[in-house]
Amino acid sequence: MEIEITAHEPEEEVVNTLEEIEKDVQSLTEGLIEVRAQRLAKNVLMKQKLQRFLAEIIINGVCKNEEEALERAIESFFVAVIPVSRRKIVLSREY
């Protein structure tokens, strides 16, 4: 009994399959990022102290909504902390 083995997919179909896999991986990655963001936001926004802070910020017109307040808070924290932490990294590498 002789068995003939032939390619079952033309090369073009393989390329399309790889593109589809890449799109699937991208979609799954985005989905995981979204789930993580939702969990993080829920954990942060469930804290009563932070809810009060956010309400005061919005009531006083500092920010239009919670999203803007959180975004500005993270940016401000970054600006305040990163230069100092970079100096520590440089100093620690010198020794």
N, C-alpha and C. Protein backbone atom coordinates (compact mmCIF):
# COMPACT_ATOMS: atom_id res chain seq x y z
N MET A 1 0.85 -1.18 0.00
CA MET A 1 0.00 0.00 0.00
C MET A 1 0.89 1.24 0.00
N GLU A 2 0.70 2.10 -0.96
CA GLU A 2 1.49 3.30 -1.10
C GLU A 2 0.65 4.51 -0.71
N ILE A 3 1.21 5.37 0.17
CA ILE A 3 0.49 6.57 0.62
C ILE A 3 1.19 7.78 0.03
N GLU A 4 0.43 8.65 -0.56
CA GLU A 4 0.97 9.88 -1.11
C GLU A 4 0.66 11.02 -0.16
N ILE A 5 1.68 11.75 0.25
CA ILE A 5 1.50 12.88 1.16
C ILE A 5 1.65 14.16 0.36
N THR A 6 0.63 14.98 0.45
CA THR A 6 0.68 16.28 -0.24
C THR A 6 0.32 17.38 0.74
N ALA A 7 0.77 18.56 0.43
CA ALA A 7 0.42 19.72 1.26
C ALA A 7 -1.09 19.93 1.19
N HIS A 8 -1.71 20.10 2.32
CA HIS A 8 -3.16 20.28 2.34
C HIS A 8 -3.57 21.75 2.29
N GLU A 9 -2.61 22.63 2.49
CA GLU A 9 -2.93 24.06 2.44
C GLU A 9 -1.95 24.77 1.52
N PRO A 10 -2.45 25.53 0.62
CA PRO A 10 -1.52 26.35 -0.17
C PRO A 10 -0.84 27.37 0.73
N GLU A 11 0.28 27.89 0.30
CA GLU A 11 1.06 28.84 1.11
C GLU A 11 0.24 30.06 1.50
N GLU A 12 -0.60 30.54 0.61
CA GLU A 12 -1.42 31.73 0.90
C GLU A 12 -2.33 31.49 2.10
N GLU A 13 -2.89 30.29 2.18
CA GLU A 13 -3.77 29.99 3.31
C GLU A 13 -2.99 29.96 4.62
N VAL A 14 -1.75 29.48 4.57
CA VAL A 14 -0.92 29.45 5.77
C VAL A 14 -0.64 30.87 6.24
N VAL A 15 -0.34 31.76 5.31
CA VAL A 15 -0.10 33.17 5.66
C VAL A 15 -1.35 33.76 6.28
N ASN A 16 -2.51 33.51 5.67
CA ASN A 16 -3.76 34.02 6.23
C ASN A 16 -3.99 33.46 7.63
N THR A 17 -3.67 32.20 7.81
CA THR A 17 -3.85 31.59 9.12
C THR A 17 -2.95 32.26 10.16
N LEU A 18 -1.71 32.54 9.78
CA LEU A 18 -0.79 33.22 10.71
C LEU A 18 -1.30 34.62 11.04
N GLU A 19 -1.83 35.31 10.05
CA GLU A 19 -2.39 36.65 10.31
C GLU A 19 -3.59 36.55 11.24
N GLU A 20 -4.42 35.52 11.04
CA GLU A 20 -5.57 35.33 11.91
C GLU A 20 -5.13 35.02 13.34
N ILE A 21 -4.10 34.20 13.46
CA ILE A 21 -3.58 33.88 14.80
C ILE A 21 -3.06 35.13 15.47
N GLU A 22 -2.33 35.95 14.72
CA GLU A 22 -1.80 37.21 15.27
C GLU A 22 -2.94 38.11 15.73
N LYS A 23 -4.01 38.19 14.94
CA LYS A 23 -5.17 39.02 15.33
C LYS A 23 -5.82 38.45 16.57
N ASP A 24 -5.91 37.11 16.67
CA ASP A 24 -6.51 36.48 17.84
C ASP A 24 -5.69 36.77 19.10
N VAL A 25 -4.36 36.67 18.96
CA VAL A 25 -3.48 36.95 20.09
C VAL A 25 -3.64 38.40 20.52
N GLN A 26 -3.70 39.31 19.56
CA GLN A 26 -3.88 40.73 19.87
C GLN A 26 -5.21 40.96 20.58
N SER A 27 -6.27 40.32 20.10
CA SER A 27 -7.59 40.47 20.73
C SER A 27 -7.58 39.93 22.16
N LEU A 28 -6.95 38.78 22.36
CA LEU A 28 -6.87 38.21 23.70
C LEU A 28 -6.05 39.11 24.63
N THR A 29 -4.97 39.64 24.13
CA THR A 29 -4.13 40.55 24.92
C THR A 29 -4.93 41.78 25.33
N GLU A 30 -5.64 42.37 24.38
CA GLU A 30 -6.46 43.54 24.69
C GLU A 30 -7.54 43.19 25.70
N GLY A 31 -8.13 42.02 25.56
CA GLY A 31 -9.16 41.58 26.50
C GLY A 31 -8.61 41.44 27.91
N LEU A 32 -7.41 40.86 28.03
CA LEU A 32 -6.79 40.70 29.34
C LEU A 32 -6.43 42.05 29.95
N ILE A 33 -5.96 42.97 29.13
CA ILE A 33 -5.65 44.32 29.62
C ILE A 33 -6.91 44.99 30.13
N GLU A 34 -8.01 44.82 29.39
CA GLU A 34 -9.28 45.43 29.80
C GLU A 34 -9.78 44.84 31.11
N VAL A 35 -9.70 43.53 31.26
CA VAL A 35 -10.14 42.88 32.50
C VAL A 35 -9.29 43.35 33.68
N ARG A 36 -7.97 43.44 33.46
CA ARG A 36 -7.07 43.92 34.52
C ARG A 36 -7.40 45.36 34.90
N ALA A 37 -7.66 46.19 33.90
CA ALA A 37 -7.99 47.60 34.17
C ALA A 37 -9.30 47.70 34.96
N GLN A 38 -10.27 46.89 34.60
CA GLN A 38 -11.55 46.92 35.32
C GLN A 38 -11.36 46.49 36.77
N ARG A 39 -10.57 45.43 36.98
CA ARG A 39 -10.33 44.94 38.34
C ARG A 39 -9.58 45.99 39.15
N LEU A 40 -8.57 46.61 38.54
CA LEU A 40 -7.79 47.65 39.21
C LEU A 40 -8.67 48.85 39.57
N ALA A 41 -9.47 49.30 38.61
CA ALA A 41 -10.35 50.44 38.86
C ALA A 41 -11.34 50.12 39.97
N LYS A 42 -11.89 48.92 39.94
CA LYS A 42 -12.85 48.53 40.98
C LYS A 42 -12.19 48.54 42.35
N ASN A 43 -10.99 47.97 42.44
CA ASN A 43 -10.29 47.91 43.73
C ASN A 43 -9.95 49.31 44.25
N VAL A 44 -9.56 50.20 43.36
CA VAL A 44 -9.23 51.56 43.77
C VAL A 44 -10.49 52.33 44.15
N LEU A 45 -11.50 52.26 43.31
CA LEU A 45 -12.70 53.06 43.53
C LEU A 45 -13.58 52.54 44.66
N MET A 46 -13.33 51.35 45.15
CA MET A 46 -14.11 50.82 46.27
C MET A 46 -13.65 51.41 47.60
N LYS A 47 -12.50 52.03 47.62
CA LYS A 47 -11.99 52.60 48.87
C LYS A 47 -12.71 53.92 49.15
N GLN A 48 -13.38 53.99 50.30
CA GLN A 48 -14.20 55.15 50.64
C GLN A 48 -13.40 56.45 50.69
N LYS A 49 -12.19 56.37 51.21
CA LYS A 49 -11.36 57.57 51.30
C LYS A 49 -11.12 58.14 49.89
N LEU A 50 -10.80 57.28 48.95
CA LEU A 50 -10.55 57.74 47.59
C LEU A 50 -11.82 58.24 46.91
N GLN A 51 -12.95 57.63 47.24
CA GLN A 51 -14.23 58.11 46.71
C GLN A 51 -14.50 59.53 47.18
N ARG A 52 -14.20 59.80 48.46
CA ARG A 52 -14.39 61.16 48.99
C ARG A 52 -13.45 62.15 48.30
N PHE A 53 -12.19 61.75 48.14
CA PHE A 53 -11.22 62.62 47.46
C PHE A 53 -11.69 62.93 46.04
N LEU A 54 -12.11 61.91 45.32
CA LEU A 54 -12.57 62.11 43.94
C LEU A 54 -13.78 63.03 43.90
N ALA A 55 -14.71 62.83 44.81
CA ALA A 55 -15.91 63.67 44.85
C ALA A 55 -15.53 65.13 45.09
N GLU A 56 -14.63 65.38 46.03
CA GLU A 56 -14.19 66.75 46.31
C GLU A 56 -13.51 67.38 45.11
N ILE A 57 -12.66 66.60 44.44
CA ILE A 57 -11.95 67.11 43.26
C ILE A 57 -12.94 67.52 42.18
N ILE A 58 -13.95 66.70 41.97
CA ILE A 58 -14.95 66.98 40.92
C ILE A 58 -15.87 68.13 41.34
N ILE A 59 -16.33 68.10 42.57
CA ILE A 59 -17.23 69.16 43.08
C ILE A 59 -16.56 70.53 42.99
N ASN A 60 -15.26 70.57 43.29
CA ASN A 60 -14.53 71.83 43.27
C ASN A 60 -14.03 72.22 41.89
N GLY A 61 -14.39 71.45 40.88
CA GLY A 61 -14.07 71.81 39.51
C GLY A 61 -12.63 71.59 39.09
N VAL A 62 -11.88 70.87 39.88
CA VAL A 62 -10.48 70.60 39.53
C VAL A 62 -10.43 69.67 38.31
N CYS A 63 -11.32 68.70 38.29
CA CYS A 63 -11.43 67.76 37.17
C CYS A 63 -12.90 67.59 36.82
N LYS A 64 -13.15 67.21 35.57
CA LYS A 64 -14.54 67.03 35.12
C LYS A 64 -15.16 65.73 35.62
N ASN A 65 -14.33 64.68 35.74
CA ASN A 65 -14.85 63.38 36.12
C ASN A 65 -13.76 62.54 36.77
N GLU A 66 -14.13 61.33 37.21
CA GLU A 66 -13.18 60.46 37.90
C GLU A 66 -12.03 60.06 36.99
N GLU A 67 -12.32 59.79 35.74
CA GLU A 67 -11.28 59.37 34.81
C GLU A 67 -10.20 60.44 34.68
N GLU A 68 -10.63 61.68 34.51
CA GLU A 68 -9.66 62.78 34.39
C GLU A 68 -8.86 62.91 35.69
N ALA A 69 -9.53 62.79 36.82
CA ALA A 69 -8.85 62.93 38.11
C ALA A 69 -7.79 61.84 38.29
N LEU A 70 -8.13 60.61 37.94
CA LEU A 70 -7.17 59.52 38.08
C LEU A 70 -6.00 59.68 37.10
N GLU A 71 -6.31 60.08 35.89
CA GLU A 71 -5.26 60.29 34.90
C GLU A 71 -4.28 61.38 35.35
N ARG A 72 -4.84 62.50 35.81
CA ARG A 72 -3.99 63.61 36.26
C ARG A 72 -3.20 63.22 37.51
N ALA A 73 -3.81 62.43 38.38
CA ALA A 73 -3.11 62.00 39.60
C ALA A 73 -1.91 61.13 39.26
N ILE A 74 -2.09 60.21 38.32
CA ILE A 74 -0.98 59.33 37.93
C ILE A 74 0.12 60.14 37.24
N GLU A 75 -0.28 61.06 36.37
CA GLU A 75 0.72 61.91 35.70
C GLU A 75 1.49 62.75 36.72
N SER A 76 0.78 63.32 37.68
CA SER A 76 1.43 64.14 38.71
C SER A 76 2.39 63.30 39.55
N PHE A 77 1.97 62.12 39.92
CA PHE A 77 2.80 61.23 40.71
C PHE A 77 4.06 60.85 39.92
N PHE A 78 3.89 60.57 38.65
CA PHE A 78 5.02 60.24 37.78
C PHE A 78 6.04 61.38 37.76
N VAL A 79 5.55 62.59 37.53
CA VAL A 79 6.43 63.76 37.47
C VAL A 79 7.14 63.97 38.80
N ALA A 80 6.44 63.73 39.90
CA ALA A 80 7.03 63.96 41.21
C ALA A 80 8.05 62.89 41.59
N VAL A 81 7.83 61.66 41.18
CA VAL A 81 8.62 60.54 41.68
C VAL A 81 9.74 60.10 40.73
N ILE A 82 9.50 60.09 39.46
CA ILE A 82 10.47 59.52 38.52
C ILE A 82 11.83 60.21 38.54
N PRO A 83 11.92 61.53 38.53
CA PRO A 83 13.27 62.13 38.57
C PRO A 83 14.08 61.68 39.78
N VAL A 84 13.43 61.57 40.92
CA VAL A 84 14.13 61.14 42.13
C VAL A 84 14.54 59.68 42.02
N SER A 85 13.64 58.83 41.52
CA SER A 85 13.97 57.40 41.41
C SER A 85 15.06 57.18 40.38
N ARG A 86 15.10 57.96 39.32
CA ARG A 86 16.16 57.83 38.32
C ARG A 86 17.51 58.19 38.92
N ARG A 87 17.53 59.23 39.77
CA ARG A 87 18.78 59.61 40.43
C ARG A 87 19.26 58.47 41.33
N LYS A 88 18.34 57.82 42.03
CA LYS A 88 18.71 56.71 42.90
C LYS A 88 19.28 55.56 42.08
N ILE A 89 18.68 55.31 40.92
CA ILE A 89 19.18 54.23 40.06
C ILE A 89 20.58 54.55 39.59
N VAL A 90 20.82 55.78 39.15
CA VAL A 90 22.14 56.19 38.68
C VAL A 90 23.16 56.08 39.82
N LEU A 91 22.79 56.57 41.00
CA LEU A 91 23.70 56.51 42.12
C LEU A 91 24.02 55.06 42.50
N SER A 92 23.02 54.21 42.50
CA SER A 92 23.26 52.82 42.87
C SER A 92 24.14 52.11 41.86
N ARG A 93 24.10 52.49 40.60
CA ARG A 93 24.96 51.88 39.59
C ARG A 93 26.39 52.37 39.71
N GLU A 94 26.58 53.57 40.26
CA GLU A 94 27.93 54.11 40.41
C GLU A 94 28.70 53.39 41.49
N TYR A 95 28.03 52.80 42.47
CA TYR A 95 28.72 52.15 43.58
C TYR A 95 28.84 50.69 43.37
